[in-house]
Amino acid sequence: MIKVLKFGGTSVGSESALRNLAAIVKNEPSQKALVVSAMSGVTNALLALTRDATASNDRFYGELLQRHVLAAKPFMASNQLDDLEMKLKLRIFGLRQTVDRYLSDHADREALQDAIYSWGERLSSLMVASILKARGLDAVAMTSEEAGIAAVGSPGNGAANLDLCEKNFLGNVLPLIEVGRIPVLTGYYGADASGRPLTFGRGGSDYSGSVVAYALDAKTLEIWTDVDGFMTADPRIVPTARTIHEMNYGEAAELAYFGAKVLHPRTIEPARKRKIVVMVRNTFHPEGESTKIHELRTPGNELLRSVAVKSDLSILKVYSSEIVYNPSLVTKLLESVSGDGVTTYAISTSLSTLAIALPSGATQRICDKISKMEMGLIEKVKIKDKVSLICTVGDDLINRMGAAAMIFDAAMEAKANIEMISEGASDVALNFVVPSEQANDVVMRIHERFIASREG
């Protein structure tokens, strides 16, 4: 059975991390494929490059080359390092060409931005494969284009065509694994029908790992990161938070979407489709605790398993007497949000009001956009800033008698006014919005009452 191992940016970002990575791969007896992120900080540097790009930026390209060469140097003989440096130079030359096109081609800038952002993974996959080869493993670097990770959608928000990925992998990747080779694939992006890179959003390498696991019909996907799996709460807010050892797909997906930064939110779906077990493990503590995510976890009697918080949100309220009588108006309002690439975290309607919880950075832009549409129907638009969404997760939570009342009672103890409620859309989650200044206190009180007291 095949196992897919995905390594994040911090897991390929230093000599000690790379040493652990090599040991993890070498000690894994299964047939395997790797998916790697860019070295930590590289994607941010590429983002900055598109904001302040110049035709000649030799210092940037030189530093990018040296960072990868120096990270690989402790693992390689001089001739091996020279070979890697030559290959890295060729790829960086490709990056430079793409940046030059970006500066001169103003008609296709979004697509070219995605191409630029993909270069971090192109460099890290080459570096990791070379390190593994120097350690005696038959590793081969493969870009998403070479592997056949087919993507659809828009720049910065792509998604994989899973069926086409599976078809492509049968010819491009699986034969390598069957003869004992270890493909090291680029995460974060795929290629659209025209062959152009299309990224999956920040953190999208987790999703890439799940797509690769789906395409190979793998038994297990291991996400190697810098934490010991999912926690009962953010340990920066709740110091007594503990690792959750077992979760089902729904619980993990809700937490990932609404605040836990352990996984990219879209990671779960390809794995769920194939019932692939997902393990979240710590590269820096390989023998430590971890989280197992699968279809049916061991049932428990606890009300909650975790509580997360999503901050930096605002509530956008649209007032119109036509909200309830004109369904197409609500559709247009929501399309104005989603069409702008903005994520919505909660939606609530009444007779004459539509309320949407959005990232604060996007709210004014959406407000201005809505204010200009359907002028005869929209009466006013208001914004309430500095709110946070609390996500409480528990098995079959919505069907637990009195669960909402008990959770809201804990919020009341924190003297937090509940601004919005999202309940019923998921069987495992109850979400509500509170003022940001009380959010951490709400999280601590909920954790103490429903999670820490049970563990104690």
Protein backbone atom coordinates (compact mmCIF):
# COMPACT_ATOMS: atom_id res chain seq x y z
CA MET A 1 0.00 0.00 0.00
CA ILE A 2 1.19 3.50 -0.86
CA LYS A 3 1.75 6.23 1.71
CA VAL A 4 1.95 9.94 0.86
CA LEU A 5 4.10 12.15 3.09
CA LYS A 6 3.58 15.90 2.88
CA PHE A 7 6.20 18.19 4.44
CA GLY A 8 5.38 21.83 5.19
CA GLY A 9 7.52 24.95 4.92
CA THR A 10 9.11 24.68 8.36
CA SER A 11 9.78 20.98 7.72
CA VAL A 12 12.04 21.88 4.77
CA GLY A 13 13.19 25.24 6.14
CA SER A 14 16.39 24.43 8.04
CA GLU A 15 19.23 21.93 8.34
CA SER A 16 17.74 20.29 11.45
CA ALA A 17 14.32 20.02 9.82
CA LEU A 18 15.78 18.51 6.65
CA ARG A 19 17.78 16.03 8.73
CA ASN A 20 14.56 14.91 10.43
CA LEU A 21 12.78 14.74 7.08
CA ALA A 22 15.45 12.50 5.60
CA ALA A 23 15.32 10.19 8.63
CA ILE A 24 11.50 9.99 8.49
CA VAL A 25 11.55 9.08 4.79
CA LYS A 26 14.40 6.59 5.18
CA ASN A 27 12.67 4.82 8.08
CA GLU A 28 9.35 4.52 6.25
CA PRO A 29 9.17 1.01 4.73
CA SER A 30 6.06 1.58 2.61
CA GLN A 31 5.98 2.53 -1.03
CA LYS A 32 5.74 6.30 -0.90
CA ALA A 33 5.53 9.67 -2.58
CA LEU A 34 6.43 13.03 -1.07
CA VAL A 35 4.77 16.41 -1.47
CA VAL A 36 6.74 19.45 -0.29
CA SER A 37 5.99 23.09 0.40
CA ALA A 38 8.35 25.95 -0.34
CA MET A 39 10.96 26.67 2.33
CA SER A 40 9.41 28.83 5.04
CA GLY A 41 9.43 32.48 4.00
CA VAL A 42 10.07 31.89 0.30
CA THR A 43 6.45 32.23 -0.85
CA ASN A 44 6.15 35.50 1.09
CA ALA A 45 9.31 36.72 -0.65
CA LEU A 46 7.81 35.82 -4.03
CA LEU A 47 4.61 37.65 -3.11
CA ALA A 48 6.70 40.71 -2.24
CA LEU A 49 8.57 40.36 -5.52
CA THR A 50 5.37 40.84 -7.53
CA ARG A 51 4.61 44.00 -5.57
CA ASP A 52 8.05 45.50 -6.12
CA ALA A 53 9.50 43.72 -9.12
CA THR A 54 12.28 45.16 -11.25
CA ALA A 55 13.77 43.76 -14.42
CA SER A 56 17.15 43.29 -12.72
CA ASN A 57 16.99 41.99 -9.15
CA ASP A 58 20.21 40.01 -8.97
CA ARG A 59 20.46 40.20 -5.19
CA PHE A 60 17.05 38.55 -4.70
CA TYR A 61 17.80 35.69 -7.09
CA GLY A 62 21.27 35.21 -5.61
CA GLU A 63 19.91 35.01 -2.07
CA LEU A 64 17.21 32.57 -3.18
CA LEU A 65 19.85 30.31 -4.73
CA GLN A 66 22.16 30.48 -1.73
CA ARG A 67 19.43 29.68 0.75
CA HIS A 68 18.70 26.35 -0.96
CA VAL A 69 22.34 25.52 -1.60
CA LEU A 70 23.37 26.23 2.01
CA ALA A 71 20.45 24.17 3.37
CA ALA A 72 21.53 21.18 1.27
CA LYS A 73 25.29 21.55 1.78
CA PRO A 74 25.60 19.51 5.04
CA PHE A 75 24.07 16.47 3.34
CA MET A 76 26.01 16.33 0.08
CA ALA A 77 29.45 15.75 -1.36
CA SER A 78 30.92 18.67 -3.33
CA ASN A 79 30.15 17.15 -6.74
CA GLN A 80 26.56 16.44 -5.67
CA LEU A 81 26.18 19.99 -4.41
CA ASP A 82 27.57 21.39 -7.67
CA ASP A 83 25.01 19.35 -9.61
CA LEU A 84 22.16 20.63 -7.42
CA GLU A 85 23.37 24.23 -7.74
CA MET A 86 23.37 23.96 -11.53
CA LYS A 87 19.80 22.63 -11.52
CA LEU A 88 18.67 25.32 -9.12
CA LYS A 89 20.24 28.01 -11.31
CA LEU A 90 18.27 26.72 -14.30
CA ARG A 91 15.02 26.91 -12.35
CA ILE A 92 15.78 30.36 -11.01
CA PHE A 93 16.48 31.46 -14.58
CA GLY A 94 12.94 30.26 -15.38
CA LEU A 95 11.63 32.33 -12.47
CA ARG A 96 13.51 35.39 -13.76
CA GLN A 97 11.98 34.93 -17.21
CA THR A 98 8.49 34.70 -15.69
CA VAL A 99 9.06 37.87 -13.66
CA ASP A 100 10.24 39.69 -16.79
CA ARG A 101 7.05 38.59 -18.59
CA TYR A 102 5.03 39.78 -15.59
CA LEU A 103 6.61 43.23 -15.89
CA SER A 104 5.89 43.52 -19.61
CA ASP A 105 2.56 41.65 -20.00
CA HIS A 106 -0.16 43.61 -18.22
CA ALA A 107 -2.99 41.59 -19.79
CA ASP A 108 -2.22 38.33 -18.01
CA ARG A 109 -0.84 39.47 -14.67
CA GLU A 110 -2.93 37.24 -12.36
CA ALA A 111 -1.92 34.06 -14.21
CA LEU A 112 1.72 35.17 -14.23
CA GLN A 113 1.54 35.91 -10.50
CA ASP A 114 0.45 32.31 -9.88
CA ALA A 115 3.36 31.11 -12.00
CA ILE A 116 5.78 33.21 -9.93
CA TYR A 117 4.33 31.96 -6.64
CA SER A 118 4.81 28.33 -7.72
CA TRP A 119 8.60 28.68 -7.88
CA GLY A 120 9.18 28.12 -4.18
CA GLU A 121 7.92 24.54 -4.48
CA ARG A 122 9.86 23.99 -7.71
CA LEU A 123 13.09 24.81 -5.85
CA SER A 124 12.33 22.95 -2.61
CA SER A 125 11.29 19.73 -4.37
CA LEU A 126 14.59 19.74 -6.27
CA MET A 127 16.54 20.36 -3.06
CA VAL A 128 14.72 17.65 -1.05
CA ALA A 129 15.05 15.05 -3.82
CA SER A 130 18.79 15.78 -4.09
CA ILE A 131 19.26 15.44 -0.32
CA LEU A 132 17.42 12.12 -0.28
CA LYS A 133 19.52 10.85 -3.20
CA ALA A 134 22.67 11.83 -1.33
CA ARG A 135 21.35 9.76 1.60
CA GLY A 136 21.03 6.69 -0.62
CA LEU A 137 17.35 6.92 -1.56
CA ASP A 138 16.17 6.77 -5.17
CA ALA A 139 14.26 10.06 -5.13
CA VAL A 140 13.18 12.01 -8.19
CA ALA A 141 11.94 15.61 -8.24
CA MET A 142 8.71 16.15 -10.16
CA THR A 143 6.83 19.35 -10.84
CA SER A 144 3.03 19.41 -10.78
CA GLU A 145 3.11 19.66 -14.58
CA GLU A 146 5.28 16.55 -14.90
CA ALA A 147 3.18 14.57 -12.44
CA GLY A 148 -0.13 15.65 -13.96
CA ILE A 149 -1.80 17.55 -11.12
CA ALA A 150 -4.67 18.96 -13.19
CA ALA A 151 -6.22 22.16 -11.85
CA VAL A 152 -9.32 24.19 -12.62
CA GLY A 153 -10.58 27.53 -11.32
CA SER A 154 -9.13 31.00 -11.04
CA PRO A 155 -5.63 32.23 -10.07
CA GLY A 156 -5.04 31.96 -6.35
CA ASN A 157 -8.12 29.80 -5.88
CA GLY A 158 -7.59 26.70 -7.97
CA ALA A 159 -8.93 23.22 -7.29
CA ALA A 160 -7.83 19.82 -8.54
CA ASN A 161 -9.67 17.80 -11.16
CA LEU A 162 -9.37 14.59 -9.15
CA ASP A 163 -10.41 12.17 -11.90
CA LEU A 164 -7.93 13.65 -14.37
CA CYS A 165 -5.20 13.65 -11.71
CA GLU A 166 -5.79 9.94 -11.11
CA LYS A 167 -5.60 9.23 -14.83
CA ASN A 168 -2.38 11.23 -15.21
CA PHE A 169 -0.73 9.62 -12.19
CA LEU A 170 -1.31 6.14 -13.59
CA GLY A 171 1.14 6.95 -16.35
CA ASN A 172 3.44 9.54 -14.77
CA VAL A 173 3.89 8.72 -11.08
CA LEU A 174 2.68 5.24 -10.18
CA PRO A 175 5.22 3.43 -12.44
CA LEU A 176 8.06 5.16 -10.56
CA ILE A 177 6.70 4.07 -7.17
CA GLU A 178 6.20 0.50 -8.36
CA VAL A 179 9.92 0.15 -9.15
CA GLY A 180 10.94 1.57 -5.79
CA ARG A 181 11.57 5.21 -6.66
CA ILE A 182 10.35 8.08 -4.48
CA PRO A 183 8.68 10.93 -6.37
CA VAL A 184 9.13 14.31 -4.64
CA LEU A 185 6.29 16.45 -5.92
CA THR A 186 5.67 20.19 -5.79
CA GLY A 187 2.80 21.20 -3.57
CA TYR A 188 0.64 24.33 -3.67
CA TYR A 189 -0.24 24.37 -7.35
CA GLY A 190 -1.48 22.41 -10.33
CA ALA A 191 -1.60 23.09 -14.06
CA ASP A 192 -4.73 24.19 -15.92
CA ALA A 193 -5.84 22.94 -19.33
CA SER A 194 -3.40 25.36 -21.00
CA GLY A 195 -0.51 24.09 -18.89
CA ARG A 196 -0.32 27.28 -16.81
CA PRO A 197 0.32 27.06 -13.04
CA LEU A 198 -2.76 27.56 -10.88
CA THR A 199 -2.21 27.85 -7.13
CA PHE A 200 -4.54 26.38 -4.51
CA GLY A 201 -4.38 29.31 -2.06
CA ARG A 202 -2.04 29.92 0.86
CA GLY A 203 -1.33 26.68 2.69
CA GLY A 204 -2.49 24.78 -0.37
CA SER A 205 0.32 22.21 -0.22
CA ASP A 206 -1.73 20.29 2.36
CA TYR A 207 -4.48 20.08 -0.23
CA SER A 208 -1.92 18.99 -2.83
CA GLY A 209 -0.90 16.14 -0.50
CA SER A 210 -4.51 15.00 -0.28
CA VAL A 211 -4.92 15.25 -4.07
CA VAL A 212 -1.80 13.11 -4.59
CA ALA A 213 -3.05 10.57 -2.04
CA TYR A 214 -6.37 10.41 -3.91
CA ALA A 215 -4.70 10.03 -7.30
CA LEU A 216 -2.50 7.18 -6.02
CA ASP A 217 -5.33 5.56 -4.01
CA ALA A 218 -3.00 5.72 -1.01
CA LYS A 219 -3.83 4.09 2.30
CA THR A 220 -2.46 6.96 4.40
CA LEU A 221 -1.62 10.64 4.05
CA GLU A 222 0.85 11.96 6.61
CA ILE A 223 0.95 15.73 7.07
CA TRP A 224 4.32 16.58 8.64
CA THR A 225 4.27 20.01 10.24
CA ASP A 226 5.60 21.83 13.32
CA VAL A 227 2.82 20.95 15.81
CA ASP A 228 1.66 17.71 17.46
CA GLY A 229 -1.60 17.51 15.52
CA PHE A 230 -4.92 19.21 16.23
CA MET A 231 -5.32 20.67 19.71
CA THR A 232 -8.35 21.05 21.98
CA ALA A 233 -7.72 24.82 21.68
CA ASP A 234 -5.02 27.22 20.56
CA PRO A 235 -2.30 26.73 23.22
CA ARG A 236 -1.44 30.44 22.96
CA ILE A 237 -4.91 31.13 24.38
CA VAL A 238 -5.34 28.02 26.53
CA PRO A 239 -1.97 26.80 27.89
CA THR A 240 -3.56 23.54 29.10
CA ALA A 241 -4.74 22.57 25.60
CA ARG A 242 -3.92 19.01 24.58
CA THR A 243 -3.50 17.07 21.35
CA ILE A 244 -6.66 15.42 19.99
CA HIS A 245 -5.56 11.90 19.16
CA GLU A 246 -8.49 10.93 16.97
CA MET A 247 -11.01 12.86 14.86
CA ASN A 248 -13.45 12.17 12.08
CA TYR A 249 -13.31 13.98 8.76
CA GLY A 250 -16.14 16.39 9.62
CA GLU A 251 -14.59 17.53 12.88
CA ALA A 252 -11.21 18.16 11.28
CA ALA A 253 -12.71 20.03 8.33
CA GLU A 254 -14.72 22.36 10.57
CA LEU A 255 -11.74 23.20 12.77
CA ALA A 256 -9.46 23.75 9.78
CA TYR A 257 -11.95 26.13 8.15
CA PHE A 258 -12.84 28.11 11.26
CA GLY A 259 -9.52 28.81 12.85
CA ALA A 260 -7.20 25.87 13.55
CA LYS A 261 -4.14 26.49 11.36
CA VAL A 262 -3.01 22.88 11.33
CA LEU A 263 -4.42 21.99 7.90
CA HIS A 264 -5.56 23.79 4.79
CA PRO A 265 -9.39 23.57 4.97
CA ARG A 266 -9.70 21.78 1.63
CA THR A 267 -7.33 18.99 2.61
CA ILE A 268 -10.02 16.73 4.02
CA GLU A 269 -12.32 16.34 1.02
CA PRO A 270 -10.12 14.30 -1.38
CA ALA A 271 -9.11 12.04 1.54
CA ARG A 272 -12.73 11.62 2.61
CA LYS A 273 -13.76 10.56 -0.89
CA ARG A 274 -11.31 7.64 -0.79
CA LYS A 275 -11.49 7.01 2.99
CA ILE A 276 -7.77 7.74 3.25
CA VAL A 277 -6.48 7.99 6.81
CA VAL A 278 -4.88 11.39 7.48
CA MET A 279 -2.18 11.62 10.17
CA VAL A 280 -0.98 15.03 11.40
CA ARG A 281 2.53 14.65 12.84
CA ASN A 282 5.39 16.83 14.05
CA THR A 283 8.61 16.77 12.00
CA PHE A 284 10.54 18.08 15.01
CA HIS A 285 9.04 15.48 17.35
CA PRO A 286 8.42 12.39 15.18
CA GLU A 287 7.81 10.05 18.11
CA GLY A 288 5.47 12.46 19.88
CA GLU A 289 1.72 12.79 19.89
CA SER A 290 -0.25 13.06 16.66
CA THR A 291 -3.80 13.27 15.35
CA LYS A 292 -5.44 10.49 13.35
CA ILE A 293 -8.29 11.62 11.07
CA HIS A 294 -10.52 8.98 9.53
CA GLU A 295 -14.11 8.08 8.76
CA LEU A 296 -15.27 6.60 12.06
CA ARG A 297 -13.45 7.52 15.21
CA THR A 298 -14.06 5.82 18.54
CA PRO A 299 -17.28 7.37 19.91
CA GLY A 300 -17.17 9.24 23.20
CA ASN A 301 -19.57 10.85 25.64
CA GLU A 302 -17.97 14.28 25.62
CA LEU A 303 -19.99 17.27 24.43
CA LEU A 304 -17.05 19.13 22.84
CA ARG A 305 -13.72 18.02 21.46
CA SER A 306 -12.22 21.36 20.54
CA VAL A 307 -12.89 25.10 20.43
CA ALA A 308 -11.25 27.45 17.92
CA VAL A 309 -11.44 31.15 17.18
CA LYS A 310 -11.30 33.02 13.87
CA SER A 311 -10.30 36.63 14.42
CA ASP A 312 -10.02 39.75 12.26
CA LEU A 313 -13.62 39.54 11.10
CA SER A 314 -16.39 42.08 10.56
CA ILE A 315 -20.14 41.76 10.17
CA LEU A 316 -21.65 43.29 7.05
CA LYS A 317 -25.38 44.02 7.41
CA VAL A 318 -27.53 44.78 4.38
CA TYR A 319 -30.99 46.22 5.05
CA SER A 320 -33.83 45.88 2.54
CA SER A 321 -37.56 45.26 2.87
CA GLU A 322 -37.19 43.00 -0.17
CA ILE A 323 -34.85 40.46 1.50
CA VAL A 324 -37.60 37.95 2.22
CA TYR A 325 -39.81 38.72 -0.78
CA ASN A 326 -37.15 38.88 -3.49
CA PRO A 327 -34.96 35.73 -3.35
CA SER A 328 -32.92 36.86 -6.35
CA LEU A 329 -31.72 39.86 -4.32
CA VAL A 330 -30.10 37.61 -1.72
CA THR A 331 -28.50 35.60 -4.51
CA LYS A 332 -27.05 38.74 -6.07
CA LEU A 333 -25.75 39.97 -2.72
CA LEU A 334 -23.98 36.69 -1.99
CA GLU A 335 -22.61 36.56 -5.54
CA SER A 336 -21.15 40.02 -5.04
CA VAL A 337 -19.17 38.62 -2.11
CA SER A 338 -18.10 35.28 -3.58
CA GLY A 339 -17.40 36.81 -6.98
CA ASP A 340 -14.79 39.00 -5.33
CA GLY A 341 -12.99 35.93 -3.97
CA VAL A 342 -13.95 36.71 -0.36
CA THR A 343 -14.54 33.91 2.16
CA THR A 344 -17.76 34.04 4.19
CA TYR A 345 -17.70 32.58 7.69
CA ALA A 346 -21.34 32.98 8.73
CA ILE A 347 -24.58 34.10 7.10
CA SER A 348 -27.83 35.08 8.82
CA THR A 349 -31.09 36.43 7.43
CA SER A 350 -34.23 38.01 8.84
CA LEU A 351 -37.29 39.63 7.31
CA SER A 352 -35.36 42.67 6.15
CA THR A 353 -31.68 42.04 6.91
CA LEU A 354 -28.86 39.92 5.55
CA ALA A 355 -25.81 39.64 7.83
CA ILE A 356 -22.49 38.17 6.65
CA ALA A 357 -19.29 37.61 8.65
CA LEU A 358 -16.29 38.43 6.45
CA PRO A 359 -12.54 39.07 6.80
CA SER A 360 -12.16 42.65 8.01
CA GLY A 361 -9.76 43.52 5.20
CA ALA A 362 -12.42 42.86 2.56
CA THR A 363 -15.51 44.33 4.23
CA GLN A 364 -15.26 47.94 3.08
CA ARG A 365 -14.61 46.86 -0.51
CA ILE A 366 -17.69 44.63 -0.49
CA CYS A 367 -19.74 47.33 1.24
CA ASP A 368 -18.90 49.82 -1.52
CA LYS A 369 -19.73 47.24 -4.17
CA ILE A 370 -23.13 46.40 -2.65
CA SER A 371 -24.01 50.05 -2.08
CA LYS A 372 -23.82 50.62 -5.85
CA MET A 373 -26.12 47.76 -6.84
CA GLU A 374 -29.91 47.63 -6.86
CA MET A 375 -30.14 51.20 -5.61
CA GLY A 376 -33.93 51.05 -5.40
CA LEU A 377 -33.84 47.96 -3.19
CA ILE A 378 -30.89 48.42 -0.83
CA GLU A 379 -31.90 50.75 2.01
CA LYS A 380 -28.60 50.86 3.91
CA VAL A 381 -25.42 48.92 4.58
CA LYS A 382 -23.65 48.79 7.94
CA ILE A 383 -20.34 47.35 9.11
CA LYS A 384 -19.58 46.11 12.62
CA ASP A 385 -15.83 45.66 13.05
CA LYS A 386 -13.68 43.84 15.60
CA VAL A 387 -15.62 40.61 15.92
CA SER A 388 -14.40 37.01 16.12
CA LEU A 389 -16.04 33.70 15.31
CA ILE A 390 -15.99 30.95 17.94
CA CYS A 391 -16.11 27.44 16.49
CA THR A 392 -17.09 24.63 18.89
CA VAL A 393 -16.76 21.10 17.58
CA GLY A 394 -18.15 17.84 18.95
CA ASP A 395 -19.47 14.56 17.60
CA ASP A 396 -23.18 14.91 16.67
CA LEU A 397 -23.19 18.20 18.56
CA ILE A 398 -26.33 19.63 16.99
CA ASN A 399 -28.44 16.67 18.10
CA ARG A 400 -27.34 16.94 21.74
CA MET A 401 -30.26 18.24 23.78
CA GLY A 402 -29.42 21.57 25.41
CA ALA A 403 -25.91 21.75 23.93
CA ALA A 404 -26.34 25.26 22.50
CA ALA A 405 -27.76 26.59 25.76
CA MET A 406 -24.81 25.26 27.77
CA ILE A 407 -22.24 26.68 25.33
CA PHE A 408 -23.95 30.08 25.25
CA ASP A 409 -24.07 30.07 29.03
CA ALA A 410 -20.27 29.79 29.07
CA ALA A 411 -20.09 32.75 26.66
CA MET A 412 -22.39 34.71 28.98
CA GLU A 413 -19.96 34.11 31.86
CA ALA A 414 -17.35 35.95 29.77
CA LYS A 415 -19.84 38.83 29.43
CA ALA A 416 -19.72 38.42 25.65
CA ASN A 417 -22.68 39.46 23.54
CA ILE A 418 -23.46 36.95 20.79
CA GLU A 419 -23.68 38.90 17.52
CA MET A 420 -24.47 36.02 15.11
CA ILE A 421 -25.18 32.29 15.35
CA SER A 422 -24.49 29.58 12.76
CA GLU A 423 -26.10 26.28 13.74
CA GLY A 424 -27.52 23.32 11.87
CA ALA A 425 -25.41 23.49 8.71
CA SER A 426 -23.04 20.90 10.22
CA ASP A 427 -23.86 18.11 12.66
CA VAL A 428 -20.52 18.51 14.42
CA ALA A 429 -20.17 22.28 14.86
CA LEU A 430 -21.86 25.23 16.54
CA ASN A 431 -20.38 28.59 15.55
CA PHE A 432 -21.16 32.06 16.85
CA VAL A 433 -19.72 35.56 16.61
CA VAL A 434 -18.68 37.66 19.62
CA PRO A 435 -16.78 40.94 20.08
CA SER A 436 -13.06 40.31 19.60
CA GLU A 437 -12.13 41.76 22.98
CA GLN A 438 -14.04 38.94 24.71
CA ALA A 439 -13.18 36.13 22.28
CA ASN A 440 -10.18 34.69 24.12
CA ASP A 441 -12.06 34.68 27.41
CA VAL A 442 -14.96 32.85 25.76
CA VAL A 443 -12.55 30.22 24.39
CA MET A 444 -10.93 29.73 27.81
CA ARG A 445 -14.26 29.36 29.61
CA ILE A 446 -15.66 26.90 27.08
CA HIS A 447 -12.45 24.86 27.17
CA GLU A 448 -12.43 24.80 30.97
CA ARG A 449 -16.07 23.78 31.29
CA PHE A 450 -16.43 21.21 28.53
CA ILE A 451 -12.93 19.91 27.74
CA ALA A 452 -10.38 20.44 30.53
CA SER A 453 -12.83 19.38 33.26
CA ARG A 454 -13.58 16.15 31.36
CA GLU A 455 -9.88 15.39 30.90
CA GLY A 456 -9.25 16.15 34.55
